[in-house]
Amino acid sequence: MIAVSLAAELDLGRVERFVALAWESGAQPVVVLTKADLVDDPVALAHLVADTGTSAPGVRVLPVSATTGQGVEVLAALLAAGTSVLLGQSGAGKSTLANALVGEDVQDVRTIRDSDGKGRHTTTTRNLLPLPSGGALIDTPGLRGVGLWDAEGGVSQAFAEIEAYAADCRFHDCAHETEPGCAVLAAVEEGSLPPRRLDSYRKLLRENAYLAARTDARLRSEMRREWKQRQALGRHMVERKRGPQHKP
């Protein structure tokens, strides 16, 4: 369960990162947009939910307010059985949400800074909390930043629509950069794939590959070779677009 506060500007890139890690772990992610009561306009709230859903295909997105009770019963029903883990940035309202789900004040709550919507860590250790339904909730400390590690499969699931487009690329090893016959780039040009999604996909794959290569000399060598091949292909495509140069 990924808590994202609506008290601050919605960071879709962070949502995608958390979703990728959740898929990689084998869990079924759920994105909880906390502090939904701070968004007065129902249309604006609907847009925030829709934008988050576009950035997390196949993931349930719930607007929730622990203050008003909005969405709490729906979320509690999703967590009725089994064990759930609550993740999110510091100040996302995880402890307040945990109290609402448990039905009593079992977690300390602190105010957040008005300047950035963040706060100090209320939860400093992982806590296992029993739920009234018989399930369990693990509340974790707020995360300042989260890196990827061996999460290529999770990234693929988090960007399932890009993987689907990629299946139609002319080359099976298409990097979706400048290659001819790239179905992913075609989807961007047609407007069916937001450019921001492709940029985020590339960023997370690069980060994952970089961290993996730091501990694998063979992989570092392969990455350098592939990079040189892509540079050569890019130069070739530029030269083709320019056309033959005629000497006087």
C-alpha atoms as a PDB file:
ATOM      1  CA  MET A   1       0.000   0.000   0.000  1.00  0.00           C
ATOM      2  CA  ILE A   2       1.588   3.235  -1.201  1.00  0.00           C
ATOM      3  CA  ALA A   3       0.548   6.428   0.580  1.00  0.00           C
ATOM      4  CA  VAL A   4       0.760   9.627  -1.487  1.00  0.00           C
ATOM      5  CA  SER A   5      -0.245  12.916   0.105  1.00  0.00           C
ATOM      6  CA  LEU A   6      -2.497  15.338  -1.756  1.00  0.00           C
ATOM      7  CA  ALA A   7      -1.292  18.116   0.561  1.00  0.00           C
ATOM      8  CA  ALA A   8       1.632  18.603  -1.829  1.00  0.00           C
ATOM      9  CA  GLU A   9       1.979  18.565  -5.609  1.00  0.00           C
ATOM     10  CA  LEU A  10       1.412  15.083  -6.997  1.00  0.00           C
ATOM     11  CA  ASP A  11       4.730  13.488  -7.983  1.00  0.00           C
ATOM     12  CA  LEU A  12       3.836  10.848 -10.564  1.00  0.00           C
ATOM     13  CA  GLY A  13       7.462   9.817 -10.992  1.00  0.00           C
ATOM     14  CA  ARG A  14       7.634   8.885  -7.327  1.00  0.00           C
ATOM     15  CA  VAL A  15       4.395   6.927  -7.663  1.00  0.00           C
ATOM     16  CA  GLU A  16       5.842   4.973 -10.596  1.00  0.00           C
ATOM     17  CA  ARG A  17       9.002   4.213  -8.618  1.00  0.00           C
ATOM     18  CA  PHE A  18       7.085   2.863  -5.627  1.00  0.00           C
ATOM     19  CA  VAL A  19       4.762   0.850  -7.862  1.00  0.00           C
ATOM     20  CA  ALA A  20       7.732  -0.737  -9.663  1.00  0.00           C
ATOM     21  CA  LEU A  21       9.270  -1.764  -6.340  1.00  0.00           C
ATOM     22  CA  ALA A  22       5.955  -3.167  -5.128  1.00  0.00           C
ATOM     23  CA  TRP A  23       5.511  -5.283  -8.265  1.00  0.00           C
ATOM     24  CA  GLU A  24       9.117  -6.494  -8.003  1.00  0.00           C
ATOM     25  CA  SER A  25       8.533  -7.623  -4.416  1.00  0.00           C
ATOM     26  CA  GLY A  26       5.648  -9.815  -5.542  1.00  0.00           C
ATOM     27  CA  ALA A  27       3.033  -7.693  -3.769  1.00  0.00           C
ATOM     28  CA  GLN A  28      -0.181  -6.323  -5.252  1.00  0.00           C
ATOM     29  CA  PRO A  29       0.228  -2.534  -5.018  1.00  0.00           C
ATOM     30  CA  VAL A  30      -2.553  -0.154  -4.032  1.00  0.00           C
ATOM     31  CA  VAL A  31      -2.041   3.612  -4.253  1.00  0.00           C
ATOM     32  CA  VAL A  32      -3.769   5.574  -1.495  1.00  0.00           C
ATOM     33  CA  LEU A  33      -4.131   9.304  -2.133  1.00  0.00           C
ATOM     34  CA  THR A  34      -4.197  10.562   1.453  1.00  0.00           C
ATOM     35  CA  LYS A  35      -5.602  13.862   2.759  1.00  0.00           C
ATOM     36  CA  ALA A  36      -8.203  13.877  -0.002  1.00  0.00           C
ATOM     37  CA  ASP A  37     -10.288  16.298   2.087  1.00  0.00           C
ATOM     38  CA  LEU A  38      -7.774  19.034   1.210  1.00  0.00           C
ATOM     39  CA  VAL A  39      -8.947  18.937  -2.423  1.00  0.00           C
ATOM     40  CA  ASP A  40     -12.232  20.834  -2.333  1.00  0.00           C
ATOM     41  CA  ASP A  41     -13.127  20.459  -6.007  1.00  0.00           C
ATOM     42  CA  PRO A  42     -14.521  16.975  -6.835  1.00  0.00           C
ATOM     43  CA  VAL A  43     -13.539  17.424 -10.484  1.00  0.00           C
ATOM     44  CA  ALA A  44      -9.953  18.255  -9.519  1.00  0.00           C
ATOM     45  CA  LEU A  45      -9.849  15.202  -7.239  1.00  0.00           C
ATOM     46  CA  ALA A  46     -11.155  13.004 -10.045  1.00  0.00           C
ATOM     47  CA  HIS A  47      -8.393  14.301 -12.322  1.00  0.00           C
ATOM     48  CA  LEU A  48      -5.750  13.507  -9.690  1.00  0.00           C
ATOM     49  CA  VAL A  49      -7.098   9.970  -9.347  1.00  0.00           C
ATOM     50  CA  ALA A  50      -7.169   9.540 -13.138  1.00  0.00           C
ATOM     51  CA  ASP A  51      -3.618  10.874 -13.568  1.00  0.00           C
ATOM     52  CA  THR A  52      -2.381   8.498 -10.886  1.00  0.00           C
ATOM     53  CA  GLY A  53      -4.205   5.607 -12.521  1.00  0.00           C
ATOM     54  CA  THR A  54      -2.548   6.374 -15.857  1.00  0.00           C
ATOM     55  CA  SER A  55       0.819   6.242 -14.094  1.00  0.00           C
ATOM     56  CA  ALA A  56      -0.026   2.963 -12.357  1.00  0.00           C
ATOM     57  CA  PRO A  57      -1.813   0.645 -14.823  1.00  0.00           C
ATOM     58  CA  GLY A  58      -3.417  -2.350 -13.180  1.00  0.00           C
ATOM     59  CA  VAL A  59      -3.247  -0.724  -9.740  1.00  0.00           C
ATOM     60  CA  ARG A  60      -6.210   0.322  -7.589  1.00  0.00           C
ATOM     61  CA  VAL A  61      -6.102   4.054  -6.751  1.00  0.00           C
ATOM     62  CA  LEU A  62      -8.159   5.251  -3.775  1.00  0.00           C
ATOM     63  CA  PRO A  63      -8.647   8.821  -2.518  1.00  0.00           C
ATOM     64  CA  VAL A  64      -8.794   8.609   1.275  1.00  0.00           C
ATOM     65  CA  SER A  65      -9.187  11.036   4.156  1.00  0.00           C
ATOM     66  CA  ALA A  66      -8.522   9.784   7.665  1.00  0.00           C
ATOM     67  CA  THR A  67     -10.004  13.082   8.910  1.00  0.00           C
ATOM     68  CA  THR A  68     -13.434  12.738   7.280  1.00  0.00           C
ATOM     69  CA  GLY A  69     -13.419   8.964   6.861  1.00  0.00           C
ATOM     70  CA  GLN A  70     -13.662   9.194   3.070  1.00  0.00           C
ATOM     71  CA  GLY A  71     -12.552   5.926   1.480  1.00  0.00           C
ATOM     72  CA  VAL A  72     -11.417   4.354   4.772  1.00  0.00           C
ATOM     73  CA  GLU A  73     -14.050   1.582   4.740  1.00  0.00           C
ATOM     74  CA  VAL A  74     -13.282   0.729   1.110  1.00  0.00           C
ATOM     75  CA  LEU A  75      -9.568   0.531   1.899  1.00  0.00           C
ATOM     76  CA  ALA A  76     -10.195  -1.540   5.031  1.00  0.00           C
ATOM     77  CA  ALA A  77     -12.163  -4.041   2.943  1.00  0.00           C
ATOM     78  CA  LEU A  78      -9.202  -4.411   0.575  1.00  0.00           C
ATOM     79  CA  LEU A  79      -6.932  -5.169   3.527  1.00  0.00           C
ATOM     80  CA  ALA A  80      -9.376  -7.540   5.210  1.00  0.00           C
ATOM     81  CA  ALA A  81      -7.141 -10.601   4.991  1.00  0.00           C
ATOM     82  CA  GLY A  82      -3.423 -11.167   4.944  1.00  0.00           C
ATOM     83  CA  THR A  83      -0.609  -8.762   5.730  1.00  0.00           C
ATOM     84  CA  SER A  84      -0.219  -5.341   4.131  1.00  0.00           C
ATOM     85  CA  VAL A  85       2.772  -2.998   4.198  1.00  0.00           C
ATOM     86  CA  LEU A  86       2.262   0.771   4.312  1.00  0.00           C
ATOM     87  CA  LEU A  87       4.939   2.746   2.460  1.00  0.00           C
ATOM     88  CA  GLY A  88       5.272   6.414   1.640  1.00  0.00           C
ATOM     89  CA  GLN A  89       7.206   9.614   1.936  1.00  0.00           C
ATOM     90  CA  SER A  90       7.576  11.343   5.294  1.00  0.00           C
ATOM     91  CA  GLY A  91       4.520  13.519   5.864  1.00  0.00           C
ATOM     92  CA  ALA A  92       2.211  11.399   3.701  1.00  0.00           C
ATOM     93  CA  GLY A  93      -0.105  10.751   6.638  1.00  0.00           C
ATOM     94  CA  LYS A  94       0.729   7.076   7.072  1.00  0.00           C
ATOM     95  CA  SER A  95       0.418   7.081  10.868  1.00  0.00           C
ATOM     96  CA  THR A  96      -2.942   8.891  10.764  1.00  0.00           C
ATOM     97  CA  LEU A  97      -4.142   6.430   8.135  1.00  0.00           C
ATOM     98  CA  ALA A  98      -2.899   3.490  10.212  1.00  0.00           C
ATOM     99  CA  ASN A  99      -4.853   4.759  13.221  1.00  0.00           C
ATOM    100  CA  ALA A 100      -8.005   5.059  11.106  1.00  0.00           C
ATOM    101  CA  LEU A 101      -7.626   1.508   9.799  1.00  0.00           C
ATOM    102  CA  VAL A 102      -6.885   0.014  13.214  1.00  0.00           C
ATOM    103  CA  GLY A 103      -9.716   1.967  14.843  1.00  0.00           C
ATOM    104  CA  GLU A 104      -7.665   3.534  17.637  1.00  0.00           C
ATOM    105  CA  ASP A 105      -4.671   5.811  18.130  1.00  0.00           C
ATOM    106  CA  VAL A 106      -1.831   3.310  18.109  1.00  0.00           C
ATOM    107  CA  GLN A 107       0.642   5.485  16.181  1.00  0.00           C
ATOM    108  CA  ASP A 108       1.982   8.922  17.117  1.00  0.00           C
ATOM    109  CA  VAL A 109       1.038  11.743  14.760  1.00  0.00           C
ATOM    110  CA  ARG A 110       2.970  14.961  14.172  1.00  0.00           C
ATOM    111  CA  THR A 111       2.211  18.095  12.204  1.00  0.00           C
ATOM    112  CA  ILE A 112       3.866  18.703   8.841  1.00  0.00           C
ATOM    113  CA  ARG A 113       5.646  21.775   7.522  1.00  0.00           C
ATOM    114  CA  ASP A 114       3.459  24.135   5.517  1.00  0.00           C
ATOM    115  CA  SER A 115       6.422  25.020   3.270  1.00  0.00           C
ATOM    116  CA  ASP A 116       6.722  21.651   1.560  1.00  0.00           C
ATOM    117  CA  GLY A 117       4.047  19.397   3.011  1.00  0.00           C
ATOM    118  CA  LYS A 118       6.666  17.171   4.616  1.00  0.00           C
ATOM    119  CA  GLY A 119       7.360  16.378   8.229  1.00  0.00           C
ATOM    120  CA  ARG A 120       9.674  14.693  10.643  1.00  0.00           C
ATOM    121  CA  HIS A 121       9.579  10.933  10.954  1.00  0.00           C
ATOM    122  CA  THR A 122       6.701   9.985  13.250  1.00  0.00           C
ATOM    123  CA  THR A 123       7.324   6.267  12.749  1.00  0.00           C
ATOM    124  CA  THR A 124      10.985   5.375  13.215  1.00  0.00           C
ATOM    125  CA  THR A 125      10.652   1.595  13.265  1.00  0.00           C
ATOM    126  CA  ARG A 126       8.459  -0.938  11.489  1.00  0.00           C
ATOM    127  CA  ASN A 127       5.360  -1.731  13.519  1.00  0.00           C
ATOM    128  CA  LEU A 128       3.014  -4.693  13.070  1.00  0.00           C
ATOM    129  CA  LEU A 129      -0.544  -3.583  13.788  1.00  0.00           C
ATOM    130  CA  PRO A 130      -3.517  -5.993  14.001  1.00  0.00           C
ATOM    131  CA  LEU A 131      -6.562  -4.947  11.969  1.00  0.00           C
ATOM    132  CA  PRO A 132     -10.174  -5.449  13.140  1.00  0.00           C
ATOM    133  CA  SER A 133     -10.751  -7.706  10.120  1.00  0.00           C
ATOM    134  CA  GLY A 134      -8.107 -10.149  11.319  1.00  0.00           C
ATOM    135  CA  GLY A 135      -5.421  -8.994   8.912  1.00  0.00           C
ATOM    136  CA  ALA A 136      -2.255  -7.131   9.811  1.00  0.00           C
ATOM    137  CA  LEU A 137      -0.723  -3.818   8.774  1.00  0.00           C
ATOM    138  CA  ILE A 138       2.992  -3.063   8.840  1.00  0.00           C
ATOM    139  CA  ASP A 139       3.570   0.679   9.235  1.00  0.00           C
ATOM    140  CA  THR A 140       7.045   1.702   8.070  1.00  0.00           C
ATOM    141  CA  PRO A 141       9.152   4.855   8.595  1.00  0.00           C
ATOM    142  CA  GLY A 142       8.769   7.651   6.050  1.00  0.00           C
ATOM    143  CA  LEU A 143      11.053   7.282   3.053  1.00  0.00           C
ATOM    144  CA  ARG A 144      13.072  10.278   1.845  1.00  0.00           C
ATOM    145  CA  GLY A 145      14.210   8.491  -1.286  1.00  0.00           C
ATOM    146  CA  VAL A 146      14.017   4.998  -2.757  1.00  0.00           C
ATOM    147  CA  GLY A 147      16.521   3.453  -5.154  1.00  0.00           C
ATOM    148  CA  LEU A 148      15.956   0.552  -7.512  1.00  0.00           C
ATOM    149  CA  TRP A 149      17.878  -2.679  -7.219  1.00  0.00           C
ATOM    150  CA  ASP A 150      17.377  -5.668  -9.516  1.00  0.00           C
ATOM    151  CA  ALA A 151      13.883  -4.410 -10.295  1.00  0.00           C
ATOM    152  CA  GLU A 152      13.686  -4.744 -14.077  1.00  0.00           C
ATOM    153  CA  GLY A 153      10.666  -7.024 -13.822  1.00  0.00           C
ATOM    154  CA  GLY A 154       8.885  -4.552 -11.566  1.00  0.00           C
ATOM    155  CA  VAL A 155       9.619  -1.688 -13.949  1.00  0.00           C
ATOM    156  CA  SER A 156       8.180  -3.735 -16.815  1.00  0.00           C
ATOM    157  CA  GLN A 157       4.959  -4.295 -14.861  1.00  0.00           C
ATOM    158  CA  ALA A 158       4.748  -0.658 -13.786  1.00  0.00           C
ATOM    159  CA  PHE A 159       4.951   0.351 -17.453  1.00  0.00           C
ATOM    160  CA  ALA A 160       2.875  -2.480 -18.872  1.00  0.00           C
ATOM    161  CA  GLU A 161       1.475  -0.389 -21.716  1.00  0.00           C
ATOM    162  CA  ILE A 162       4.990   0.433 -22.958  1.00  0.00           C
ATOM    163  CA  GLU A 163       5.927  -3.238 -22.851  1.00  0.00           C
ATOM    164  CA  ALA A 164       2.809  -3.989 -24.897  1.00  0.00           C
ATOM    165  CA  TYR A 165       3.764  -1.422 -27.541  1.00  0.00           C
ATOM    166  CA  ALA A 166       7.350  -2.719 -27.536  1.00  0.00           C
ATOM    167  CA  ALA A 167       6.136  -6.151 -28.622  1.00  0.00           C
ATOM    168  CA  ASP A 168       5.352  -4.607 -32.024  1.00  0.00           C
ATOM    169  CA  CYS A 169       8.751  -2.959 -32.530  1.00  0.00           C
ATOM    170  CA  ARG A 170      10.648  -4.018 -35.647  1.00  0.00           C
ATOM    171  CA  PHE A 171      13.718  -5.051 -33.626  1.00  0.00           C
ATOM    172  CA  HIS A 172      13.412  -7.276 -30.568  1.00  0.00           C
ATOM    173  CA  ASP A 173      16.193  -5.346 -28.794  1.00  0.00           C
ATOM    174  CA  CYS A 174      14.756  -1.926 -29.644  1.00  0.00           C
ATOM    175  CA  ALA A 175      15.787   0.718 -27.098  1.00  0.00           C
ATOM    176  CA  HIS A 176      12.962   3.060 -28.158  1.00  0.00           C
ATOM    177  CA  GLU A 177      15.388   5.875 -28.874  1.00  0.00           C
ATOM    178  CA  THR A 178      15.957   6.405 -32.614  1.00  0.00           C
ATOM    179  CA  GLU A 179      15.407   2.939 -34.077  1.00  0.00           C
ATOM    180  CA  PRO A 180      13.291   2.652 -37.236  1.00  0.00           C
ATOM    181  CA  GLY A 181      10.028   0.779 -36.824  1.00  0.00           C
ATOM    182  CA  CYS A 182       9.783   1.550 -33.105  1.00  0.00           C
ATOM    183  CA  ALA A 183       6.165   1.054 -32.051  1.00  0.00           C
ATOM    184  CA  VAL A 184       6.758   2.852 -28.747  1.00  0.00           C
ATOM    185  CA  LEU A 185       7.944   6.052 -30.441  1.00  0.00           C
ATOM    186  CA  ALA A 186       5.039   5.750 -32.867  1.00  0.00           C
ATOM    187  CA  ALA A 187       2.625   5.605 -29.915  1.00  0.00           C
ATOM    188  CA  VAL A 188       4.147   8.797 -28.521  1.00  0.00           C
ATOM    189  CA  GLU A 189       3.821  10.554 -31.869  1.00  0.00           C
ATOM    190  CA  GLU A 190       0.197   9.421 -32.208  1.00  0.00           C
ATOM    191  CA  GLY A 191      -0.623  10.716 -28.731  1.00  0.00           C
ATOM    192  CA  SER A 192      -1.620   7.348 -27.273  1.00  0.00           C
ATOM    193  CA  LEU A 193       1.450   7.251 -24.984  1.00  0.00           C
ATOM    194  CA  PRO A 194       2.340  10.333 -22.892  1.00  0.00           C
ATOM    195  CA  PRO A 195       5.985  11.392 -23.449  1.00  0.00           C
ATOM    196  CA  ARG A 196       6.390  11.721 -19.679  1.00  0.00           C
ATOM    197  CA  ARG A 197       5.672   8.002 -19.252  1.00  0.00           C
ATOM    198  CA  LEU A 198       8.375   7.041 -21.735  1.00  0.00           C
ATOM    199  CA  ASP A 199      10.870   9.414 -20.095  1.00  0.00           C
ATOM    200  CA  SER A 200      10.135   7.928 -16.676  1.00  0.00           C
ATOM    201  CA  TYR A 201      10.420   4.378 -18.055  1.00  0.00           C
ATOM    202  CA  ARG A 202      13.831   5.145 -19.531  1.00  0.00           C
ATOM    203  CA  LYS A 203      15.002   6.800 -16.322  1.00  0.00           C
ATOM    204  CA  LEU A 204      14.077   3.874 -14.090  1.00  0.00           C
ATOM    205  CA  LEU A 205      15.590   1.316 -16.468  1.00  0.00           C
ATOM    206  CA  ARG A 206      18.842   3.321 -16.633  1.00  0.00           C
ATOM    207  CA  GLU A 207      18.981   3.592 -12.865  1.00  0.00           C
ATOM    208  CA  ASN A 208      18.324  -0.106 -12.401  1.00  0.00           C
ATOM    209  CA  ALA A 209      20.985  -1.032 -14.971  1.00  0.00           C
ATOM    210  CA  TYR A 210      23.511   1.366 -13.431  1.00  0.00           C
ATOM    211  CA  LEU A 211      23.113  -0.053  -9.935  1.00  0.00           C
ATOM    212  CA  ALA A 212      23.327  -3.608 -11.260  1.00  0.00           C
ATOM    213  CA  ALA A 213      26.457  -2.786 -13.277  1.00  0.00           C
ATOM    214  CA  ARG A 214      28.246  -1.399 -10.221  1.00  0.00           C
ATOM    215  CA  THR A 215      28.608  -4.949  -8.912  1.00  0.00           C
ATOM    216  CA  ASP A 216      28.940  -6.798 -12.230  1.00  0.00           C
ATOM    217  CA  ALA A 217      32.024  -6.167 -14.396  1.00  0.00           C
ATOM    218  CA  ARG A 218      30.686  -8.287 -17.261  1.00  0.00           C
ATOM    219  CA  LEU A 219      27.450  -6.321 -17.309  1.00  0.00           C
ATOM    220  CA  ARG A 220      29.385  -3.041 -17.342  1.00  0.00           C
ATOM    221  CA  SER A 221      31.281  -4.224 -20.410  1.00  0.00           C
ATOM    222  CA  GLU A 222      28.054  -5.250 -22.172  1.00  0.00           C
ATOM    223  CA  MET A 223      26.453  -1.883 -21.393  1.00  0.00           C
ATOM    224  CA  ARG A 224      29.423  -0.004 -22.856  1.00  0.00           C
ATOM    225  CA  ARG A 225      29.256  -2.121 -26.012  1.00  0.00           C
ATOM    226  CA  GLU A 226      25.499  -1.575 -26.392  1.00  0.00           C
ATOM    227  CA  TRP A 227      25.927   2.158 -25.848  1.00  0.00           C
ATOM    228  CA  LYS A 228      28.505   2.372 -28.612  1.00  0.00           C
ATOM    229  CA  GLN A 229      26.201   0.435 -30.950  1.00  0.00           C
ATOM    230  CA  ARG A 230      23.324   2.807 -30.224  1.00  0.00           C
ATOM    231  CA  GLN A 231      25.538   5.833 -30.806  1.00  0.00           C
ATOM    232  CA  ALA A 232      26.585   4.408 -34.170  1.00  0.00           C
ATOM    233  CA  LEU A 233      22.956   3.703 -35.084  1.00  0.00           C
ATOM    234  CA  GLY A 234      21.979   7.233 -34.095  1.00  0.00           C
ATOM    235  CA  ARG A 235      24.682   8.739 -36.307  1.00  0.00           C
ATOM    236  CA  HIS A 236      23.584   6.506 -39.178  1.00  0.00           C
ATOM    237  CA  MET A 237      19.957   7.633 -38.842  1.00  0.00           C
ATOM    238  CA  VAL A 238      21.003  11.302 -38.806  1.00  0.00           C
ATOM    239  CA  GLU A 239      23.065  10.807 -41.957  1.00  0.00           C
ATOM    240  CA  ARG A 240      20.127   9.081 -43.695  1.00  0.00           C
ATOM    241  CA  LYS A 241      17.824  11.979 -42.871  1.00  0.00           C
ATOM    242  CA  ARG A 242      20.316  14.450 -44.300  1.00  0.00           C
ATOM    243  CA  GLY A 243      20.503  12.499 -47.542  1.00  0.00           C
ATOM    244  CA  PRO A 244      23.478  12.120 -49.884  1.00  0.00           C
ATOM    245  CA  GLN A 245      25.796  15.073 -50.083  1.00  0.00           C
ATOM    246  CA  HIS A 246      26.627  16.042 -53.633  1.00  0.00           C
ATOM    247  CA  LYS A 247      29.951  17.544 -54.398  1.00  0.00           C
ATOM    248  CA  PRO A 248      30.002  20.517 -56.826  1.00  0.00           C
END
